[in-house]
Amino acid sequence: MLNKYLIAAIMFAMPFAAVAEEEIIFVEQDIPVFRQIADLEQDKVLLQLEKEKAQLMLDLDRMTTEQMRVRNEMDELSGRAEADRRKLEAEREKLEQEREAMRRSAERSAEQPAAPRPEQTKEAPPPTPRMTVTERYRLVDIVGVGNQLQATIEDTKTMQRRRVWAGREIDGFMINSVSLDEGVVFEKDGEIETLGLRIGD
């Protein structure tokens, strides 16, 4: 009798268990689809984040490299500026030393008495008296006709003879005229001297 009731209870409960099992199965089959979509979206977001993170890391590396390059350039420029500054300082110090040396030299020169000039210490030699025409030359002869007269004169020092005529210049003297009566008339610096034949020559 108990077995009959037990079998009847089991049979009565079976449809509900089947329905529950189907609902559970339905629910179990419906949840993974949403989960898969959510997981896919989450994976896409994570992948995008990973890409952005990788890009940020690349940008960060580039920025670090650029920063190092700029820093190196700044260090190099700073070193050049320092070298230029030292060079300018050395040149300025050298100029200051030269200026100081010139100032001291000027002070020493001002303290020492001025040396007399050579032309002041030496007496000017007396002027050499100019030799007259008669002392310098000797009239040898006069030849020619009329206005074409020419004279031969001889240097008393060198014994050199020269032919002269009116209008010729010799040793700074101008020959004004040659005549048998007066002889040879010389002119220099406005002074006129006459060289005539010596009696007994």
C-alpha atoms as a PDB file:
ATOM      1  CA  MET A   1       0.000   0.000   0.000  1.00  0.00           C
ATOM      2  CA  LEU A   2       2.883   2.341   0.884  1.00  0.00           C
ATOM      3  CA  ASN A   3       4.574   1.540  -2.357  1.00  0.00           C
ATOM      4  CA  LYS A   4       1.492   2.568  -4.305  1.00  0.00           C
ATOM      5  CA  TYR A   5       1.405   5.965  -2.630  1.00  0.00           C
ATOM      6  CA  LEU A   6       5.112   6.393  -3.145  1.00  0.00           C
ATOM      7  CA  ILE A   7       4.834   5.587  -6.807  1.00  0.00           C
ATOM      8  CA  ALA A   8       1.888   7.932  -7.149  1.00  0.00           C
ATOM      9  CA  ALA A   9       3.803  10.752  -5.452  1.00  0.00           C
ATOM     10  CA  ILE A  10       6.757  10.210  -7.667  1.00  0.00           C
ATOM     11  CA  MET A  11       4.611  10.188 -10.762  1.00  0.00           C
ATOM     12  CA  PHE A  12       2.801  13.338  -9.611  1.00  0.00           C
ATOM     13  CA  ALA A  13       6.073  15.160  -8.953  1.00  0.00           C
ATOM     14  CA  MET A  14       7.766  14.189 -12.190  1.00  0.00           C
ATOM     15  CA  PRO A  15       6.053  16.738 -14.442  1.00  0.00           C
ATOM     16  CA  PHE A  16       7.018  19.561 -12.093  1.00  0.00           C
ATOM     17  CA  ALA A  17      10.592  18.298 -11.929  1.00  0.00           C
ATOM     18  CA  ALA A  18      10.722  18.147 -15.694  1.00  0.00           C
ATOM     19  CA  VAL A  19       9.410  21.688 -15.951  1.00  0.00           C
ATOM     20  CA  ALA A  20      11.878  22.867 -13.335  1.00  0.00           C
ATOM     21  CA  GLU A  21      14.638  21.055 -15.103  1.00  0.00           C
ATOM     22  CA  GLU A  22      13.661  22.664 -18.391  1.00  0.00           C
ATOM     23  CA  GLU A  23      13.515  26.093 -16.747  1.00  0.00           C
ATOM     24  CA  ILE A  24      16.882  25.541 -15.179  1.00  0.00           C
ATOM     25  CA  ILE A  25      18.256  24.422 -18.474  1.00  0.00           C
ATOM     26  CA  PHE A  26      16.687  27.420 -20.180  1.00  0.00           C
ATOM     27  CA  VAL A  27      18.097  29.755 -17.651  1.00  0.00           C
ATOM     28  CA  GLU A  28      21.445  28.045 -17.788  1.00  0.00           C
ATOM     29  CA  GLN A  29      21.440  28.351 -21.591  1.00  0.00           C
ATOM     30  CA  ASP A  30      20.286  32.048 -21.576  1.00  0.00           C
ATOM     31  CA  ILE A  31      22.863  33.398 -19.054  1.00  0.00           C
ATOM     32  CA  PRO A  32      26.037  32.407 -20.941  1.00  0.00           C
ATOM     33  CA  VAL A  33      24.937  34.388 -24.059  1.00  0.00           C
ATOM     34  CA  PHE A  34      24.775  37.595 -22.110  1.00  0.00           C
ATOM     35  CA  ARG A  35      27.926  36.677 -20.336  1.00  0.00           C
ATOM     36  CA  GLN A  36      29.641  35.966 -23.626  1.00  0.00           C
ATOM     37  CA  ILE A  37      28.548  39.369 -24.975  1.00  0.00           C
ATOM     38  CA  ALA A  38      29.651  41.069 -21.809  1.00  0.00           C
ATOM     39  CA  ASP A  39      32.873  39.158 -21.797  1.00  0.00           C
ATOM     40  CA  LEU A  40      33.478  40.063 -25.463  1.00  0.00           C
ATOM     41  CA  GLU A  41      32.821  43.719 -24.748  1.00  0.00           C
ATOM     42  CA  GLN A  42      35.011  43.532 -21.697  1.00  0.00           C
ATOM     43  CA  ASP A  43      37.734  41.833 -23.728  1.00  0.00           C
ATOM     44  CA  LYS A  44      37.450  44.534 -26.402  1.00  0.00           C
ATOM     45  CA  VAL A  45      37.708  47.241 -23.767  1.00  0.00           C
ATOM     46  CA  LEU A  46      40.652  45.497 -22.149  1.00  0.00           C
ATOM     47  CA  LEU A  47      42.344  45.070 -25.526  1.00  0.00           C
ATOM     48  CA  GLN A  48      41.800  48.742 -26.316  1.00  0.00           C
ATOM     49  CA  LEU A  49      43.172  49.668 -22.928  1.00  0.00           C
ATOM     50  CA  GLU A  50      46.183  47.457 -23.518  1.00  0.00           C
ATOM     51  CA  LYS A  51      46.776  49.135 -26.897  1.00  0.00           C
ATOM     52  CA  GLU A  52      46.428  52.558 -25.366  1.00  0.00           C
ATOM     53  CA  LYS A  53      48.737  51.523 -22.553  1.00  0.00           C
ATOM     54  CA  ALA A  54      51.327  50.261 -25.064  1.00  0.00           C
ATOM     55  CA  GLN A  55      51.000  53.536 -27.034  1.00  0.00           C
ATOM     56  CA  LEU A  56      51.409  55.518 -23.846  1.00  0.00           C
ATOM     57  CA  MET A  57      54.495  53.529 -22.977  1.00  0.00           C
ATOM     58  CA  LEU A  58      55.935  54.212 -26.445  1.00  0.00           C
ATOM     59  CA  ASP A  59      55.132  57.905 -26.107  1.00  0.00           C
ATOM     60  CA  LEU A  60      56.675  57.900 -22.664  1.00  0.00           C
ATOM     61  CA  ASP A  61      59.849  56.276 -24.036  1.00  0.00           C
ATOM     62  CA  ARG A  62      59.979  58.851 -26.831  1.00  0.00           C
ATOM     63  CA  MET A  63      59.488  61.671 -24.384  1.00  0.00           C
ATOM     64  CA  THR A  64      62.236  60.250 -22.165  1.00  0.00           C
ATOM     65  CA  THR A  65      64.586  59.957 -25.153  1.00  0.00           C
ATOM     66  CA  GLU A  66      63.749  63.494 -26.305  1.00  0.00           C
ATOM     67  CA  GLN A  67      64.201  64.791 -22.789  1.00  0.00           C
ATOM     68  CA  MET A  68      67.627  63.154 -22.592  1.00  0.00           C
ATOM     69  CA  ARG A  69      68.572  64.620 -25.974  1.00  0.00           C
ATOM     70  CA  VAL A  70      67.450  68.097 -24.940  1.00  0.00           C
ATOM     71  CA  ARG A  71      69.290  67.741 -21.655  1.00  0.00           C
ATOM     72  CA  ASN A  72      72.466  66.688 -23.469  1.00  0.00           C
ATOM     73  CA  GLU A  73      72.154  69.641 -25.838  1.00  0.00           C
ATOM     74  CA  MET A  74      71.606  71.978 -22.918  1.00  0.00           C
ATOM     75  CA  ASP A  75      74.638  70.524 -21.153  1.00  0.00           C
ATOM     76  CA  GLU A  76      76.703  70.951 -24.321  1.00  0.00           C
ATOM     77  CA  LEU A  77      75.492  74.527 -24.791  1.00  0.00           C
ATOM     78  CA  SER A  78      76.165  75.222 -21.157  1.00  0.00           C
ATOM     79  CA  GLY A  79      79.681  73.839 -21.542  1.00  0.00           C
ATOM     80  CA  ARG A  80      80.273  76.006 -24.612  1.00  0.00           C
ATOM     81  CA  ALA A  81      78.917  79.042 -22.836  1.00  0.00           C
ATOM     82  CA  GLU A  82      81.196  78.346 -19.906  1.00  0.00           C
ATOM     83  CA  ALA A  83      84.192  77.945 -22.234  1.00  0.00           C
ATOM     84  CA  ASP A  84      83.304  81.203 -24.022  1.00  0.00           C
ATOM     85  CA  ARG A  85      82.911  82.960 -20.688  1.00  0.00           C
ATOM     86  CA  ARG A  86      86.320  81.738 -19.544  1.00  0.00           C
ATOM     87  CA  LYS A  87      87.874  82.818 -22.834  1.00  0.00           C
ATOM     88  CA  LEU A  88      86.342  86.274 -22.515  1.00  0.00           C
ATOM     89  CA  GLU A  89      87.530  86.498 -18.931  1.00  0.00           C
ATOM     90  CA  ALA A  90      91.080  85.574 -20.014  1.00  0.00           C
ATOM     91  CA  GLU A  91      91.044  88.164 -22.817  1.00  0.00           C
ATOM     92  CA  ARG A  92      89.698  90.837 -20.482  1.00  0.00           C
ATOM     93  CA  GLU A  93      92.370  90.010 -17.908  1.00  0.00           C
ATOM     94  CA  LYS A  94      95.036  90.203 -20.621  1.00  0.00           C
ATOM     95  CA  LEU A  95      93.757  93.602 -21.737  1.00  0.00           C
ATOM     96  CA  GLU A  96      93.752  94.812 -18.159  1.00  0.00           C
ATOM     97  CA  GLN A  97      97.367  93.694 -17.747  1.00  0.00           C
ATOM     98  CA  GLU A  98      98.394  95.442 -20.978  1.00  0.00           C
ATOM     99  CA  ARG A  99      96.578  98.610 -19.905  1.00  0.00           C
ATOM    100  CA  GLU A 100      98.266  98.507 -16.511  1.00  0.00           C
ATOM    101  CA  ALA A 101     101.672  97.991 -18.160  1.00  0.00           C
ATOM    102  CA  MET A 102     101.056 100.950 -20.491  1.00  0.00           C
ATOM    103  CA  ARG A 103      99.959 103.105 -17.552  1.00  0.00           C
ATOM    104  CA  ARG A 104     103.105 102.246 -15.578  1.00  0.00           C
ATOM    105  CA  SER A 105     105.272 102.892 -18.609  1.00  0.00           C
ATOM    106  CA  ALA A 106     103.620 106.277 -19.083  1.00  0.00           C
ATOM    107  CA  GLU A 107     104.162 107.120 -15.421  1.00  0.00           C
ATOM    108  CA  ARG A 108     107.851 106.176 -15.638  1.00  0.00           C
ATOM    109  CA  SER A 109     108.234 108.232 -18.782  1.00  0.00           C
ATOM    110  CA  ALA A 110     106.619 111.213 -17.091  1.00  0.00           C
ATOM    111  CA  GLU A 111     108.926 110.899 -14.073  1.00  0.00           C
ATOM    112  CA  GLN A 112     112.133 110.763 -16.121  1.00  0.00           C
ATOM    113  CA  PRO A 113     113.468 114.061 -17.468  1.00  0.00           C
ATOM    114  CA  ALA A 114     113.180 114.484 -21.163  1.00  0.00           C
ATOM    115  CA  ALA A 115     116.408 113.670 -22.966  1.00  0.00           C
ATOM    116  CA  PRO A 116     117.729 116.495 -25.073  1.00  0.00           C
ATOM    117  CA  ARG A 117     117.253 116.109 -28.769  1.00  0.00           C
ATOM    118  CA  PRO A 118     120.331 115.262 -30.802  1.00  0.00           C
ATOM    119  CA  GLU A 119     119.954 118.394 -32.871  1.00  0.00           C
ATOM    120  CA  GLN A 120     119.894 120.468 -29.696  1.00  0.00           C
ATOM    121  CA  THR A 121     123.081 118.951 -28.256  1.00  0.00           C
ATOM    122  CA  LYS A 122     125.051 119.185 -31.453  1.00  0.00           C
ATOM    123  CA  GLU A 123     126.053 122.589 -32.631  1.00  0.00           C
ATOM    124  CA  ALA A 124     125.220 123.298 -36.208  1.00  0.00           C
ATOM    125  CA  PRO A 125     128.344 123.376 -38.349  1.00  0.00           C
ATOM    126  CA  PRO A 126     129.187 126.765 -39.749  1.00  0.00           C
ATOM    127  CA  PRO A 127     127.952 127.270 -43.266  1.00  0.00           C
ATOM    128  CA  THR A 128     130.506 126.516 -45.932  1.00  0.00           C
ATOM    129  CA  PRO A 129     131.320 129.700 -47.782  1.00  0.00           C
ATOM    130  CA  ARG A 130     130.323 129.515 -51.397  1.00  0.00           C
ATOM    131  CA  MET A 131     133.160 129.588 -53.864  1.00  0.00           C
ATOM    132  CA  THR A 132     133.080 132.449 -56.297  1.00  0.00           C
ATOM    133  CA  VAL A 133     133.063 131.854 -60.018  1.00  0.00           C
ATOM    134  CA  THR A 134     136.657 133.021 -60.324  1.00  0.00           C
ATOM    135  CA  GLU A 135     137.700 130.570 -57.568  1.00  0.00           C
ATOM    136  CA  ARG A 136     135.836 127.673 -59.113  1.00  0.00           C
ATOM    137  CA  TYR A 137     136.468 128.146 -62.833  1.00  0.00           C
ATOM    138  CA  ARG A 138     139.150 129.421 -65.190  1.00  0.00           C
ATOM    139  CA  LEU A 139     138.337 130.823 -68.611  1.00  0.00           C
ATOM    140  CA  VAL A 140     140.426 129.047 -71.227  1.00  0.00           C
ATOM    141  CA  ASP A 141     139.255 130.668 -74.467  1.00  0.00           C
ATOM    142  CA  ILE A 142     136.385 132.247 -76.332  1.00  0.00           C
ATOM    143  CA  VAL A 143     135.673 131.237 -79.916  1.00  0.00           C
ATOM    144  CA  GLY A 144     132.987 132.024 -82.455  1.00  0.00           C
ATOM    145  CA  VAL A 145     131.595 134.962 -84.375  1.00  0.00           C
ATOM    146  CA  GLY A 146     129.039 137.583 -83.327  1.00  0.00           C
ATOM    147  CA  ASN A 147     126.263 136.173 -81.162  1.00  0.00           C
ATOM    148  CA  GLN A 148     127.528 132.622 -81.655  1.00  0.00           C
ATOM    149  CA  LEU A 149     130.392 132.957 -79.211  1.00  0.00           C
ATOM    150  CA  GLN A 150     131.278 129.976 -77.026  1.00  0.00           C
ATOM    151  CA  ALA A 151     133.682 129.776 -74.131  1.00  0.00           C
ATOM    152  CA  THR A 152     135.786 126.963 -72.729  1.00  0.00           C
ATOM    153  CA  ILE A 153     135.995 126.923 -68.936  1.00  0.00           C
ATOM    154  CA  GLU A 154     138.050 124.659 -66.704  1.00  0.00           C
ATOM    155  CA  ASP A 155     137.171 123.447 -63.206  1.00  0.00           C
ATOM    156  CA  THR A 156     140.004 124.469 -60.875  1.00  0.00           C
ATOM    157  CA  LYS A 157     139.591 121.296 -58.755  1.00  0.00           C
ATOM    158  CA  THR A 158     138.931 118.560 -61.272  1.00  0.00           C
ATOM    159  CA  MET A 159     140.651 120.281 -64.219  1.00  0.00           C
ATOM    160  CA  GLN A 160     137.660 119.259 -66.307  1.00  0.00           C
ATOM    161  CA  ARG A 161     136.918 121.504 -69.290  1.00  0.00           C
ATOM    162  CA  ARG A 162     133.464 122.389 -70.494  1.00  0.00           C
ATOM    163  CA  ARG A 163     132.045 124.313 -73.431  1.00  0.00           C
ATOM    164  CA  VAL A 164     129.449 126.947 -72.443  1.00  0.00           C
ATOM    165  CA  TRP A 165     127.320 129.527 -74.231  1.00  0.00           C
ATOM    166  CA  ALA A 166     124.606 132.041 -73.451  1.00  0.00           C
ATOM    167  CA  GLY A 167     121.514 130.361 -72.034  1.00  0.00           C
ATOM    168  CA  ARG A 168     123.240 127.220 -70.795  1.00  0.00           C
ATOM    169  CA  GLU A 169     123.062 126.182 -67.122  1.00  0.00           C
ATOM    170  CA  ILE A 170     126.067 124.613 -65.439  1.00  0.00           C
ATOM    171  CA  ASP A 171     126.420 123.593 -61.756  1.00  0.00           C
ATOM    172  CA  GLY A 172     123.441 125.740 -60.836  1.00  0.00           C
ATOM    173  CA  PHE A 173     124.798 128.799 -62.647  1.00  0.00           C
ATOM    174  CA  MET A 174     123.035 130.324 -65.631  1.00  0.00           C
ATOM    175  CA  ILE A 175     125.241 131.701 -68.424  1.00  0.00           C
ATOM    176  CA  ASN A 176     123.840 135.117 -69.230  1.00  0.00           C
ATOM    177  CA  SER A 177     126.282 136.085 -71.977  1.00  0.00           C
ATOM    178  CA  VAL A 178     129.637 135.333 -73.595  1.00  0.00           C
ATOM    179  CA  SER A 179     131.631 138.217 -75.073  1.00  0.00           C
ATOM    180  CA  LEU A 180     135.225 139.008 -75.915  1.00  0.00           C
ATOM    181  CA  ASP A 181     135.120 142.185 -73.838  1.00  0.00           C
ATOM    182  CA  GLU A 182     133.492 140.944 -70.606  1.00  0.00           C
ATOM    183  CA  GLY A 183     134.133 137.233 -70.865  1.00  0.00           C
ATOM    184  CA  VAL A 184     131.472 134.874 -69.385  1.00  0.00           C
ATOM    185  CA  VAL A 185     128.726 136.344 -67.222  1.00  0.00           C
ATOM    186  CA  PHE A 186     127.266 133.904 -64.627  1.00  0.00           C
ATOM    187  CA  GLU A 187     124.077 134.374 -62.598  1.00  0.00           C
ATOM    188  CA  LYS A 188     122.898 132.426 -59.532  1.00  0.00           C
ATOM    189  CA  ASP A 189     120.253 133.372 -56.955  1.00  0.00           C
ATOM    190  CA  GLY A 190     120.146 136.877 -58.359  1.00  0.00           C
ATOM    191  CA  GLU A 191     123.902 137.380 -58.003  1.00  0.00           C
ATOM    192  CA  ILE A 192     125.936 138.104 -61.138  1.00  0.00           C
ATOM    193  CA  GLU A 193     129.608 137.238 -61.490  1.00  0.00           C
ATOM    194  CA  THR A 194     131.914 137.644 -64.453  1.00  0.00           C
ATOM    195  CA  LEU A 195     134.724 135.316 -65.461  1.00  0.00           C
ATOM    196  CA  GLY A 196     137.224 137.040 -67.748  1.00  0.00           C
ATOM    197  CA  LEU A 197     140.471 136.057 -69.365  1.00  0.00           C
ATOM    198  CA  ARG A 198     143.446 136.325 -67.005  1.00  0.00           C
ATOM    199  CA  ILE A 199     146.382 138.299 -68.265  1.00  0.00           C
ATOM    200  CA  GLY A 200     149.377 136.073 -68.760  1.00  0.00           C
ATOM    201  CA  ASP A 201     147.341 132.843 -69.268  1.00  0.00           C
END
